[in-house]
Protein backbone atom coordinates (compact mmCIF):
# COMPACT_ATOMS: atom_id res chain seq x y z
CA UNK A 1 0.27 -0.06 -0.17
CA UNK A 2 3.11 2.55 0.55
CA UNK A 3 4.70 1.79 -2.40
CA UNK A 4 1.44 2.53 -4.20
CA UNK A 5 0.48 5.62 -2.45
CA UNK A 6 4.30 6.65 -3.30
CA UNK A 7 3.95 6.19 -6.68
CA UNK A 8 0.52 8.01 -6.85
CA UNK A 9 2.15 10.96 -5.16
CA UNK A 10 4.84 11.21 -7.84
CA UNK A 11 2.18 10.91 -10.48
CA UNK A 12 0.83 14.08 -9.10
CA UNK A 13 4.26 15.87 -9.70
CA UNK A 14 4.25 15.14 -13.42
CA UNK A 15 2.69 17.85 -15.67
CA UNK A 16 -0.55 17.24 -17.40
CA UNK A 17 1.12 17.68 -20.95
CA UNK A 18 3.77 14.91 -19.86
CA UNK A 19 1.17 12.07 -20.15
CA UNK A 20 1.87 11.65 -23.72
CA UNK A 21 5.39 11.32 -24.95
CA UNK A 22 7.18 14.37 -26.23
CA UNK A 23 7.78 14.43 -30.10
CA UNK A 24 11.43 14.19 -31.17
CA UNK A 25 11.76 16.79 -34.06
CA UNK A 26 14.97 17.05 -36.12
CA UNK A 27 15.70 19.99 -38.43
CA UNK A 28 18.32 20.45 -41.03
CA UNK A 29 18.79 24.15 -39.80
CA UNK A 30 18.62 26.25 -36.66
CA UNK A 31 16.07 28.40 -38.07
CA UNK A 32 13.75 25.97 -38.69
CA UNK A 33 14.74 24.49 -35.13
CA UNK A 34 13.78 28.06 -33.66
CA UNK A 35 10.52 28.36 -35.20
CA UNK A 36 9.79 24.52 -34.39
CA UNK A 37 10.49 25.13 -30.45
CA UNK A 38 8.32 28.42 -30.76
CA UNK A 39 5.29 26.40 -31.94
CA UNK A 40 5.81 23.21 -30.41
CA UNK A 41 6.83 24.57 -27.16
CA UNK A 42 6.69 21.98 -24.50
CA UNK A 43 5.57 19.03 -26.42
CA UNK A 44 8.58 18.91 -28.49
CA UNK A 45 12.24 18.22 -28.30
CA UNK A 46 13.97 19.66 -31.28
CA UNK A 47 17.45 19.06 -32.60
CA UNK A 48 19.35 20.83 -35.25
CA UNK A 49 21.72 19.05 -37.64
CA UNK A 50 23.56 22.02 -39.03
CA UNK A 51 24.94 24.84 -36.99
CA UNK A 52 23.98 28.50 -37.31
CA UNK A 53 27.68 29.48 -38.34
CA UNK A 54 27.79 26.76 -41.00
CA UNK A 55 27.22 27.10 -44.67
CA UNK A 56 23.96 24.59 -45.22
CA UNK A 57 24.93 23.60 -48.65
CA UNK A 58 28.25 21.88 -47.20
CA UNK A 59 27.25 19.97 -44.19
CA UNK A 60 28.91 16.51 -43.85
CA UNK A 61 26.72 13.81 -42.64
CA UNK A 62 28.15 12.12 -39.40
CA UNK A 63 27.29 8.96 -37.61
CA UNK A 64 25.93 10.77 -34.91
CA UNK A 65 23.56 12.39 -37.02
CA UNK A 66 22.25 9.11 -38.51
CA UNK A 67 21.33 8.15 -34.65
CA UNK A 68 19.47 11.45 -34.24
CA UNK A 69 17.47 10.99 -37.67
CA UNK A 70 16.72 7.34 -36.50
CA UNK A 71 15.23 8.21 -33.65
CA UNK A 72 13.19 11.09 -34.78
CA UNK A 73 9.16 11.41 -34.88
CA UNK A 74 9.49 14.53 -37.53
CA UNK A 75 12.16 15.51 -39.73
CA UNK A 76 11.93 19.15 -40.95
CA UNK A 77 14.05 20.30 -44.04
CA UNK A 78 14.29 23.73 -46.18
CA UNK A 79 14.13 21.96 -49.36
CA UNK A 80 14.75 23.03 -52.87
CA UNK A 81 18.01 21.10 -52.49
CA UNK A 82 19.36 23.47 -50.04
CA UNK A 83 20.01 20.38 -47.59
CA UNK A 84 20.04 17.71 -49.92
CA UNK A 85 22.66 15.87 -47.75
CA UNK A 86 19.87 15.01 -45.59
CA UNK A 87 18.81 12.56 -47.64
CA UNK A 88 21.79 10.30 -47.15
CA UNK A 89 20.94 10.50 -43.33
CA UNK A 90 17.26 9.48 -44.18
CA UNK A 91 18.40 6.42 -46.26
CA UNK A 92 20.95 5.19 -43.54
CA UNK A 93 18.37 5.72 -40.49
CA UNK A 94 15.95 3.46 -41.38
CA UNK A 95 13.29 5.11 -39.86
CA UNK A 96 10.40 4.61 -42.14
CA UNK A 97 8.31 7.47 -40.44
CA UNK A 98 10.62 10.16 -42.02
CA UNK A 99 10.73 9.16 -45.28
CA UNK A 100 9.24 11.10 -48.38
CA UNK A 101 5.67 10.77 -48.30
CA UNK A 102 5.38 9.88 -44.38
CA UNK A 103 3.94 12.06 -41.88
CA UNK A 104 7.25 12.57 -40.36
CA UNK A 105 9.04 13.93 -43.39
CA UNK A 106 8.14 17.79 -43.89
CA UNK A 107 9.64 20.27 -46.45
CA UNK A 108 8.48 23.62 -45.37
CA UNK A 109 9.21 25.08 -49.23
CA UNK A 110 6.31 23.81 -50.46
CA UNK A 111 4.11 26.96 -49.86
CA UNK A 112 6.85 29.26 -50.44
CA UNK A 113 6.60 31.84 -53.37
CA UNK A 114 9.99 31.01 -55.15
CA UNK A 115 12.34 33.53 -56.64
CA UNK A 116 14.97 33.16 -59.08
CA UNK A 117 13.65 29.90 -60.43
CA UNK A 118 15.79 29.12 -63.22
CA UNK A 119 14.64 28.48 -67.01
CA UNK A 120 16.08 26.73 -70.01
CA UNK A 121 18.83 24.23 -70.14
CA UNK A 122 20.86 23.91 -66.50
CA UNK A 123 24.35 22.35 -66.72
CA UNK A 124 27.45 22.32 -64.58
CA UNK A 125 29.14 25.35 -65.94
CA UNK A 126 26.26 27.65 -64.07
CA UNK A 127 28.03 26.68 -60.79
CA UNK A 128 25.92 25.63 -57.77
CA UNK A 129 22.56 26.72 -59.53
CA UNK A 130 19.69 25.58 -57.48
CA UNK A 131 17.20 24.19 -60.16
CA UNK A 132 13.93 24.64 -57.89
CA UNK A 133 14.55 28.47 -57.23
CA UNK A 134 16.72 30.39 -54.62
CA UNK A 135 16.27 28.51 -51.30
CA UNK A 136 17.26 31.16 -48.65
CA UNK A 137 13.40 31.91 -48.18
CA UNK A 138 13.82 32.00 -44.45
CA UNK A 139 15.49 35.65 -44.73
CA UNK A 140 11.98 36.87 -45.51
CA UNK A 141 10.05 37.14 -42.13
CA UNK A 142 6.58 36.66 -43.71
CA UNK A 143 8.16 33.62 -45.02
CA UNK A 144 8.56 32.45 -41.69
CA UNK A 145 4.98 32.73 -41.02
CA UNK A 146 4.29 30.34 -43.88
CA UNK A 147 7.18 27.97 -42.46
CA UNK A 148 5.42 28.14 -38.84
CA UNK A 149 1.97 27.34 -40.29
CA UNK A 150 3.11 24.29 -42.01
CA UNK A 151 4.96 22.97 -38.79
CA UNK A 152 1.96 23.61 -36.65
CA UNK A 153 0.14 21.78 -39.18
CA UNK A 154 2.08 18.73 -38.92
CA UNK A 155 2.53 18.76 -35.07
CA UNK A 156 -1.17 18.70 -34.91
CA UNK A 157 -1.48 16.06 -37.31
CA UNK A 158 0.94 13.97 -34.96
CA UNK A 159 -0.59 15.11 -31.68
CA UNK A 160 -4.11 15.91 -32.47
CA UNK A 161 -4.63 16.27 -28.74
CA UNK A 162 -2.44 19.28 -28.72
CA UNK A 163 -3.79 21.05 -31.99
CA UNK A 164 -5.08 23.99 -29.85
CA UNK A 165 -1.91 24.57 -28.02
CA UNK A 166 -0.06 24.51 -31.42
CA UNK A 167 -2.52 27.03 -32.86
CA UNK A 168 -2.20 29.34 -29.89
CA UNK A 169 1.54 29.35 -30.16
CA UNK A 170 1.23 29.88 -33.73
CA UNK A 171 -1.17 32.87 -33.55
CA UNK A 172 1.32 34.59 -31.30
CA UNK A 173 4.26 34.03 -33.43
CA UNK A 174 2.46 35.61 -36.36
CA UNK A 175 1.28 38.45 -34.19
CA UNK A 176 4.99 39.05 -33.32
CA UNK A 177 6.00 38.78 -37.00
CA UNK A 178 3.73 41.50 -37.90
CA UNK A 179 4.93 43.58 -35.04
CA UNK A 180 8.19 43.35 -35.79
CA UNK A 181 8.41 43.67 -39.41
CA UNK A 182 6.70 46.94 -39.09
CA UNK A 183 9.76 47.98 -36.70
CA UNK A 184 12.26 46.54 -38.73
CA UNK A 185 11.07 48.23 -42.08
CA UNK A 186 10.99 51.45 -40.38
CA UNK A 187 14.55 50.98 -39.63
CA UNK A 188 15.60 50.52 -43.03
CA UNK A 189 12.79 53.07 -44.58
CA UNK A 190 15.62 55.78 -44.93
CA UNK A 191 17.49 53.24 -47.47
CA UNK A 192 14.75 52.21 -49.64
CA UNK A 193 16.07 51.19 -52.99
CA UNK A 194 19.80 51.21 -51.79
CA UNK A 195 21.93 49.13 -53.76
CA UNK A 196 24.08 46.56 -52.01
CA UNK A 197 26.78 44.03 -53.04
CA UNK A 198 26.91 40.35 -51.68
CA UNK A 199 29.20 37.58 -51.28
CA UNK A 200 26.70 34.57 -52.23
CA UNK A 201 23.28 35.18 -53.32
CA UNK A 202 21.75 34.35 -50.25
CA UNK A 203 19.93 37.64 -50.04
CA UNK A 204 16.83 37.93 -52.85
CA UNK A 205 14.01 37.60 -50.49
CA UNK A 206 15.56 39.91 -47.76
CA UNK A 207 16.15 42.27 -50.22
CA UNK A 208 12.45 42.06 -51.67
CA UNK A 209 11.03 42.43 -48.41
CA UNK A 210 12.83 45.39 -47.17
CA UNK A 211 13.41 47.58 -50.47
CA UNK A 212 16.83 47.00 -51.21
CA UNK A 213 18.85 45.76 -54.38
CA UNK A 214 21.12 43.15 -54.71
CA UNK A 215 23.44 45.07 -57.43
CA UNK A 216 26.23 42.40 -57.61
CA UNK A 217 27.86 39.42 -56.15
CA UNK A 218 31.40 38.55 -55.22
CA UNK A 219 30.97 34.83 -56.53
CA UNK A 220 31.48 34.56 -60.44
CA UNK A 221 28.71 31.88 -60.49
CA UNK A 222 26.70 30.44 -57.47
CA UNK A 223 29.15 28.65 -55.10
CA UNK A 224 32.36 29.17 -57.03
CA UNK A 225 35.09 31.21 -55.23
CA UNK A 226 35.59 34.76 -56.33
CA UNK A 227 38.39 35.20 -58.75
CA UNK A 228 40.64 38.03 -58.99
CA UNK A 229 39.37 39.06 -62.68
CA UNK A 230 35.50 39.00 -61.38
CA UNK A 231 36.74 40.91 -58.16
CA UNK A 232 37.78 43.66 -60.56
CA UNK A 233 34.58 43.82 -62.19
CA UNK A 234 32.88 43.89 -59.00
CA UNK A 235 35.19 47.02 -57.94
CA UNK A 236 33.97 48.82 -61.21
CA UNK A 237 30.34 48.24 -60.27
CA UNK A 238 30.55 49.06 -56.77
CA UNK A 239 32.22 52.51 -57.82
CA UNK A 240 29.87 53.03 -60.67
CA UNK A 241 26.64 52.40 -58.72
CA UNK A 242 27.72 53.84 -55.50
CA UNK A 243 27.40 50.87 -53.50
CA UNK A 244 28.00 51.66 -49.62
CA UNK A 245 27.79 48.09 -48.30
CA UNK A 246 29.44 44.58 -49.01
CA UNK A 247 27.58 41.70 -47.09
CA UNK A 248 29.31 38.35 -46.32
CA UNK A 249 27.99 35.54 -44.19
CA UNK A 250 30.07 34.46 -41.28
CA UNK A 251 31.37 31.40 -42.92
CA UNK A 252 32.84 32.98 -46.15
CA UNK A 253 36.29 34.13 -46.43
CA UNK A 254 36.29 37.74 -45.63
CA UNK A 255 39.32 38.37 -47.84
CA UNK A 256 37.30 39.12 -51.20
CA UNK A 257 34.83 41.53 -49.32
CA UNK A 258 37.83 43.17 -47.67
CA UNK A 259 39.64 43.67 -50.92
CA UNK A 260 36.50 45.23 -52.71
CA UNK A 261 36.08 47.67 -49.82
CA UNK A 262 39.83 48.78 -49.81
CA UNK A 263 39.56 49.56 -53.55
CA UNK A 264 36.03 51.38 -53.36
CA UNK A 265 35.73 52.81 -49.72
CA UNK A 266 32.57 50.49 -49.35
CA UNK A 267 31.87 48.91 -46.16
CA UNK A 268 32.35 45.05 -45.57
CA UNK A 269 29.79 43.90 -43.20
CA UNK A 270 29.96 40.32 -41.90
CA UNK A 271 26.37 39.19 -40.73
CA UNK A 272 24.63 35.79 -39.69
CA UNK A 273 22.13 34.50 -42.01
CA UNK A 274 20.94 31.86 -39.48
CA UNK A 275 19.89 31.55 -35.86
CA UNK A 276 23.05 30.89 -33.70
CA UNK A 277 25.39 32.31 -36.53
CA UNK A 278 26.84 34.53 -33.99
CA UNK A 279 26.11 35.53 -30.30
CA UNK A 280 23.03 37.28 -29.68
CA UNK A 281 21.22 35.75 -32.86
CA UNK A 282 19.64 33.33 -30.37
CA UNK A 283 16.10 32.97 -32.18
CA UNK A 284 14.17 33.69 -35.34
CA UNK A 285 13.39 37.22 -33.99
CA UNK A 286 16.81 38.10 -32.73
CA UNK A 287 18.40 37.17 -35.97
CA UNK A 288 16.29 39.85 -37.74
CA UNK A 289 17.23 42.30 -34.92
CA UNK A 290 20.79 41.67 -35.17
CA UNK A 291 20.97 41.47 -38.81
CA UNK A 292 19.05 44.57 -39.54
CA UNK A 293 20.76 46.64 -36.89
CA UNK A 294 24.28 45.81 -38.42
CA UNK A 295 22.99 46.78 -41.98
CA UNK A 296 21.50 50.06 -40.81
CA UNK A 297 24.95 50.84 -39.02
CA UNK A 298 27.01 50.04 -42.29
CA UNK A 299 24.59 52.00 -44.56
CA UNK A 300 24.40 55.05 -42.11
CA UNK A 301 28.26 55.15 -42.53
């Protein structure tokens, strides 16, 4: 009787939500992890395969990742071949629930209005060109709302008893995005139609949302390292178009941007493009806070 009473007492200490198993969610990026944690709250345990300061195109699958994916209830990916490396993990993990077409497989690009979708014949001479369009869509905060909606819908499918909880978190997330995007746009309003240079073509969604123009890229072709001859052309373009800022992501070689800056007087700025890319970019909202503040400072100077 004492054992039974003791067990009953311990059960009263367990929160109500813990009566059902926590969902193990694996995401390919920290941005997806951040949004999933906001929507899933206490119902999910989230692991990101890539780091925030890592180039997502070149993540190397490791045995530890296979174990992580093997135990996942849900795998969430950027899609559009951005995280194509995850397919090797899916194949090795032997987890039927996270295979394409199953409830544990979620590609959140499906409802995104895609930019820079190539037309005509595509071959290797074009560099690392994405055949489904530019995959850096999470850098438009309004696309964050679409991502969050897809995640909430799938979590509700997996845990229908928590659907109202997920919907409430989604409503709060959307409300905060709408509030913050007004603040972010107001900060960048003085620089409407400002031309910028970028190391890699990660920024069309961001530029479109915040009324900036990507005028030139330091890479001669997507994914190819800048060459001296191409950088000379970039220098000419930066001078001609009076570009003030050159954006590099935290994982890029900084020498090309610094060279162009030295030759032109433009300002080389290193920014995170994902949650956790630098200290302070701790979640999806803080990523944009930090990114936009750094950009505003650079454009003012």
